Amino acid sequence: MDLDPDRMEFYHIGHCLNNLSGAIQLKLKDYYDMDDVNGMIQYFNGLLKEVVGQQAVN
């Protein structure tokens, strides 16, 4: 099955944004493991920067 790469990129960005949003909500609620939450925020922020950077180049 052929998948549309633009659509898949859009879904990837949406997935990263949703996960980043959840991590930020945990941070705002003072989640007990802030190191884990900060790690999630850094990870998904990095993925978004990578995807946006690739789009800017293409």
PDB file of N, CA and C in Angstrom:
ATOM      1  N   MET A   1       0.849  -1.180   0.000  1.00  0.00           N
ATOM      2  CA  MET A   1       0.000   0.000   0.000  1.00  0.00           C
ATOM      3  C   MET A   1       0.896   1.245   0.000  1.00  0.00           C
ATOM      4  N   ASP A   2       0.670   2.129  -0.943  1.00  0.00           N
ATOM      5  CA  ASP A   2       1.433   3.383  -1.017  1.00  0.00           C
ATOM      6  C   ASP A   2       0.807   4.426  -0.102  1.00  0.00           C
ATOM      7  N   LEU A   3       1.641   5.031   0.719  1.00  0.00           N
ATOM      8  CA  LEU A   3       1.176   6.080   1.627  1.00  0.00           C
ATOM      9  C   LEU A   3       1.685   7.425   1.131  1.00  0.00           C
ATOM     10  N   ASP A   4       0.839   8.407   1.225  1.00  0.00           N
ATOM     11  CA  ASP A   4       1.194   9.761   0.816  1.00  0.00           C
ATOM     12  C   ASP A   4       2.202  10.330   1.817  1.00  0.00           C
ATOM     13  N   PRO A   5       3.440  10.629   1.382  1.00  0.00           N
ATOM     14  CA  PRO A   5       4.456  11.105   2.329  1.00  0.00           C
ATOM     15  C   PRO A   5       4.098  12.447   2.973  1.00  0.00           C
ATOM     16  N   ASP A   6       3.414  13.315   2.253  1.00  0.00           N
ATOM     17  CA  ASP A   6       3.019  14.600   2.847  1.00  0.00           C
ATOM     18  C   ASP A   6       1.995  14.393   3.957  1.00  0.00           C
ATOM     19  N   ARG A   7       1.068  13.496   3.718  1.00  0.00           N
ATOM     20  CA  ARG A   7       0.058  13.209   4.738  1.00  0.00           C
ATOM     21  C   ARG A   7       0.708  12.562   5.957  1.00  0.00           C
ATOM     22  N   MET A   8       1.635  11.659   5.736  1.00  0.00           N
ATOM     23  CA  MET A   8       2.321  11.004   6.845  1.00  0.00           C
ATOM     24  C   MET A   8       3.135  12.015   7.653  1.00  0.00           C
ATOM     25  N   GLU A   9       3.745  12.977   6.982  1.00  0.00           N
ATOM     26  CA  GLU A   9       4.498  14.034   7.668  1.00  0.00           C
ATOM     27  C   GLU A   9       3.558  14.882   8.523  1.00  0.00           C
ATOM     28  N   PHE A  10       2.388  15.174   7.981  1.00  0.00           N
ATOM     29  CA  PHE A  10       1.379  15.940   8.715  1.00  0.00           C
ATOM     30  C   PHE A  10       0.946  15.177   9.976  1.00  0.00           C
ATOM     31  N   TYR A  11       0.700  13.880   9.828  1.00  0.00           N
ATOM     32  CA  TYR A  11       0.317  13.063  10.981  1.00  0.00           C
ATOM     33  C   TYR A  11       1.443  13.007  12.013  1.00  0.00           C
ATOM     34  N   HIS A  12       2.676  12.939  11.550  1.00  0.00           N
ATOM     35  CA  HIS A  12       3.825  12.905  12.462  1.00  0.00           C
ATOM     36  C   HIS A  12       3.898  14.202  13.265  1.00  0.00           C
ATOM     37  N   ILE A  13       3.699  15.324  12.613  1.00  0.00           N
ATOM     38  CA  ILE A  13       3.714  16.608  13.317  1.00  0.00           C
ATOM     39  C   ILE A  13       2.585  16.664  14.336  1.00  0.00           C
ATOM     40  N   GLY A  14       1.392  16.222  13.941  1.00  0.00           N
ATOM     41  CA  GLY A  14       0.258  16.205  14.873  1.00  0.00           C
ATOM     42  C   GLY A  14       0.517  15.314  16.070  1.00  0.00           C
ATOM     43  N   HIS A  15       1.123  14.170  15.832  1.00  0.00           N
ATOM     44  CA  HIS A  15       1.452  13.236  16.913  1.00  0.00           C
ATOM     45  C   HIS A  15       2.444  13.876  17.891  1.00  0.00           C
ATOM     46  N   CYS A  16       3.464  14.525  17.359  1.00  0.00           N
ATOM     47  CA  CYS A  16       4.457  15.194  18.218  1.00  0.00           C
ATOM     48  C   CYS A  16       3.817  16.320  19.016  1.00  0.00           C
ATOM     49  N   LEU A  17       2.949  17.097  18.373  1.00  0.00           N
ATOM     50  CA  LEU A  17       2.290  18.203  19.076  1.00  0.00           C
ATOM     51  C   LEU A  17       1.388  17.694  20.200  1.00  0.00           C
ATOM     52  N   ASN A  18       0.658  16.622  19.941  1.00  0.00           N
ATOM     53  CA  ASN A  18      -0.209  16.062  20.983  1.00  0.00           C
ATOM     54  C   ASN A  18       0.603  15.546  22.162  1.00  0.00           C
ATOM     55  N   ASN A  19       1.695  14.858  21.884  1.00  0.00           N
ATOM     56  CA  ASN A  19       2.532  14.352  22.963  1.00  0.00           C
ATOM     57  C   ASN A  19       3.214  15.478  23.735  1.00  0.00           C
ATOM     58  N   LEU A  20       3.654  16.501  23.029  1.00  0.00           N
ATOM     59  CA  LEU A  20       4.260  17.658  23.681  1.00  0.00           C
ATOM     60  C   LEU A  20       3.233  18.359  24.566  1.00  0.00           C
ATOM     61  N   SER A  21       2.021  18.488  24.069  1.00  0.00           N
ATOM     62  CA  SER A  21       0.948  19.101  24.846  1.00  0.00           C
ATOM     63  C   SER A  21       0.676  18.315  26.132  1.00  0.00           C
ATOM     64  N   GLY A  22       0.647  16.996  26.025  1.00  0.00           N
ATOM     65  CA  GLY A  22       0.435  16.169  27.215  1.00  0.00           C
ATOM     66  C   GLY A  22       1.543  16.321  28.230  1.00  0.00           C
ATOM     67  N   ALA A  23       2.780  16.383  27.761  1.00  0.00           N
ATOM     68  CA  ALA A  23       3.910  16.560  28.677  1.00  0.00           C
ATOM     69  C   ALA A  23       3.843  17.924  29.366  1.00  0.00           C
ATOM     70  N   ILE A  24       3.458  18.943  28.635  1.00  0.00           N
ATOM     71  CA  ILE A  24       3.334  20.278  29.231  1.00  0.00           C
ATOM     72  C   ILE A  24       2.219  20.291  30.268  1.00  0.00           C
ATOM     73  N   GLN A  25       1.122  19.596  29.990  1.00  0.00           N
ATOM     74  CA  GLN A  25       0.042  19.510  30.971  1.00  0.00           C
ATOM     75  C   GLN A  25       0.514  18.810  32.247  1.00  0.00           C
ATOM     76  N   LEU A  26       1.308  17.759  32.097  1.00  0.00           N
ATOM     77  CA  LEU A  26       1.857  17.090  33.279  1.00  0.00           C
ATOM     78  C   LEU A  26       2.737  18.042  34.079  1.00  0.00           C
ATOM     79  N   LYS A  27       3.512  18.841  33.376  1.00  0.00           N
ATOM     80  CA  LYS A  27       4.396  19.795  34.060  1.00  0.00           C
ATOM     81  C   LYS A  27       3.570  20.829  34.826  1.00  0.00           C
ATOM     82  N   LEU A  28       2.503  21.310  34.212  1.00  0.00           N
ATOM     83  CA  LEU A  28       1.650  22.296  34.869  1.00  0.00           C
ATOM     84  C   LEU A  28       0.926  21.722  36.090  1.00  0.00           C
ATOM     85  N   LYS A  29       0.681  20.415  36.071  1.00  0.00           N
ATOM     86  CA  LYS A  29       0.002  19.761  37.193  1.00  0.00           C
ATOM     87  C   LYS A  29       0.981  19.270  38.250  1.00  0.00           C
ATOM     88  N   ASP A  30       2.253  19.649  38.100  1.00  0.00           N
ATOM     89  CA  ASP A  30       3.293  19.293  39.063  1.00  0.00           C
ATOM     90  C   ASP A  30       3.409  17.774  39.222  1.00  0.00           C
ATOM     91  N   TYR A  31       3.565  17.098  38.096  1.00  0.00           N
ATOM     92  CA  TYR A  31       3.731  15.645  38.061  1.00  0.00           C
ATOM     93  C   TYR A  31       4.914  15.252  38.938  1.00  0.00           C
ATOM     94  N   TYR A  32       4.832  14.100  39.571  1.00  0.00           N
ATOM     95  CA  TYR A  32       5.834  13.703  40.569  1.00  0.00           C
ATOM     96  C   TYR A  32       7.227  13.458  39.991  1.00  0.00           C
ATOM     97  N   ASP A  33       7.333  13.138  38.700  1.00  0.00           N
ATOM     98  CA  ASP A  33       8.638  12.850  38.106  1.00  0.00           C
ATOM     99  C   ASP A  33       8.974  13.916  37.052  1.00  0.00           C
ATOM    100  N   MET A  34       9.392  15.074  37.510  1.00  0.00           N
ATOM    101  CA  MET A  34       9.663  16.194  36.610  1.00  0.00           C
ATOM    102  C   MET A  34      10.821  15.924  35.661  1.00  0.00           C
ATOM    103  N   ASP A  35      11.776  15.116  36.066  1.00  0.00           N
ATOM    104  CA  ASP A  35      12.876  14.783  35.157  1.00  0.00           C
ATOM    105  C   ASP A  35      12.345  14.059  33.925  1.00  0.00           C
ATOM    106  N   ASP A  36      11.423  13.151  34.140  1.00  0.00           N
ATOM    107  CA  ASP A  36      10.805  12.414  33.038  1.00  0.00           C
ATOM    108  C   ASP A  36      10.001  13.351  32.140  1.00  0.00           C
ATOM    109  N   VAL A  37       9.239  14.233  32.751  1.00  0.00           N
ATOM    110  CA  VAL A  37       8.417  15.188  31.995  1.00  0.00           C
ATOM    111  C   VAL A  37       9.310  16.119  31.171  1.00  0.00           C
ATOM    112  N   ASN A  38      10.352  16.639  31.773  1.00  0.00           N
ATOM    113  CA  ASN A  38      11.266  17.523  31.043  1.00  0.00           C
ATOM    114  C   ASN A  38      11.945  16.777  29.896  1.00  0.00           C
ATOM    115  N   GLY A  39      12.261  15.513  30.118  1.00  0.00           N
ATOM    116  CA  GLY A  39      12.835  14.695  29.050  1.00  0.00           C
ATOM    117  C   GLY A  39      11.873  14.525  27.890  1.00  0.00           C
ATOM    118  N   MET A  40      10.588  14.297  28.210  1.00  0.00           N
ATOM    119  CA  MET A  40       9.577  14.182  27.153  1.00  0.00           C
ATOM    120  C   MET A  40       9.460  15.484  26.377  1.00  0.00           C
ATOM    121  N   ILE A  41       9.455  16.599  27.081  1.00  0.00           N
ATOM    122  CA  ILE A  41       9.333  17.902  26.424  1.00  0.00           C
ATOM    123  C   ILE A  41      10.521  18.138  25.495  1.00  0.00           C
ATOM    124  N   GLN A  42      11.707  17.851  25.968  1.00  0.00           N
ATOM    125  CA  GLN A  42      12.898  18.026  25.130  1.00  0.00           C
ATOM    126  C   GLN A  42      12.862  17.107  23.915  1.00  0.00           C
ATOM    127  N   TYR A  43      12.449  15.868  24.111  1.00  0.00           N
ATOM    128  CA  TYR A  43      12.409  14.892  23.023  1.00  0.00           C
ATOM    129  C   TYR A  43      11.441  15.325  21.920  1.00  0.00           C
ATOM    130  N   PHE A  44      10.204  15.640  22.288  1.00  0.00           N
ATOM    131  CA  PHE A  44       9.210  16.000  21.277  1.00  0.00           C
ATOM    132  C   PHE A  44       9.480  17.367  20.678  1.00  0.00           C
ATOM    133  N   ASN A  45      10.058  18.267  21.447  1.00  0.00           N
ATOM    134  CA  ASN A  45      10.474  19.549  20.906  1.00  0.00           C
ATOM    135  C   ASN A  45      11.561  19.348  19.850  1.00  0.00           C
ATOM    136  N   GLY A  46      12.505  18.456  20.138  1.00  0.00           N
ATOM    137  CA  GLY A  46      13.567  18.137  19.183  1.00  0.00           C
ATOM    138  C   GLY A  46      13.021  17.516  17.905  1.00  0.00           C
ATOM    139  N   LEU A  47      12.051  16.598  18.051  1.00  0.00           N
ATOM    140  CA  LEU A  47      11.441  15.994  16.863  1.00  0.00           C
ATOM    141  C   LEU A  47      10.750  17.042  16.000  1.00  0.00           C
ATOM    142  N   LEU A  48      10.033  17.951  16.647  1.00  0.00           N
ATOM    143  CA  LEU A  48       9.347  19.002  15.880  1.00  0.00           C
ATOM    144  C   LEU A  48      10.342  19.897  15.156  1.00  0.00           C
ATOM    145  N   LYS A  49      11.426  20.253  15.828  1.00  0.00           N
ATOM    146  CA  LYS A  49      12.444  21.082  15.179  1.00  0.00           C
ATOM    147  C   LYS A  49      13.044  20.351  13.986  1.00  0.00           C
ATOM    148  N   GLU A  50      13.255  19.055  14.136  1.00  0.00           N
ATOM    149  CA  GLU A  50      13.819  18.249  13.055  1.00  0.00           C
ATOM    150  C   GLU A  50      12.866  18.203  11.860  1.00  0.00           C
ATOM    151  N   VAL A  51      11.594  17.983  12.119  1.00  0.00           N
ATOM    152  CA  VAL A  51      10.603  17.900  11.042  1.00  0.00           C
ATOM    153  C   VAL A  51      10.445  19.254  10.357  1.00  0.00           C
ATOM    154  N   VAL A  52      10.352  20.310  11.132  1.00  0.00           N
ATOM    155  CA  VAL A  52      10.190  21.648  10.539  1.00  0.00           C
ATOM    156  C   VAL A  52      11.441  22.029   9.763  1.00  0.00           C
ATOM    157  N   GLY A  53      12.608  21.680  10.287  1.00  0.00           N
ATOM    158  CA  GLY A  53      13.850  21.962   9.592  1.00  0.00           C
ATOM    159  C   GLY A  53      13.927  21.234   8.258  1.00  0.00           C
ATOM    160  N   GLN A  54      13.482  19.993   8.233  1.00  0.00           N
ATOM    161  CA  GLN A  54      13.470  19.226   6.989  1.00  0.00           C
ATOM    162  C   GLN A  54      12.505  19.846   5.989  1.00  0.00           C
ATOM    163  N   GLN A  55      11.378  20.302   6.468  1.00  0.00           N
ATOM    164  CA  GLN A  55      10.389  20.930   5.576  1.00  0.00           C
ATOM    165  C   GLN A  55      10.913  22.224   5.006  1.00  0.00           C
ATOM    166  N   ALA A  56      11.664  22.986   5.806  1.00  0.00           N
ATOM    167  CA  ALA A  56      12.214  24.251   5.332  1.00  0.00           C
ATOM    168  C   ALA A  56      13.246  24.024   4.229  1.00  0.00           C
ATOM    169  N   VAL A  57      13.990  22.931   4.359  1.00  0.00           N
ATOM    170  CA  VAL A  57      15.005  22.615   3.358  1.00  0.00           C
ATOM    171  C   VAL A  57      14.351  22.118   2.075  1.00  0.00           C
ATOM    172  N   ASN A  58      13.314  21.295   2.221  1.00  0.00           N
ATOM    173  CA  ASN A  58      12.630  20.738   1.046  1.00  0.00           C
ATOM    174  C   ASN A  58      11.759  21.808   0.462  1.00  0.00           C
TER     175      ASN A  58
END
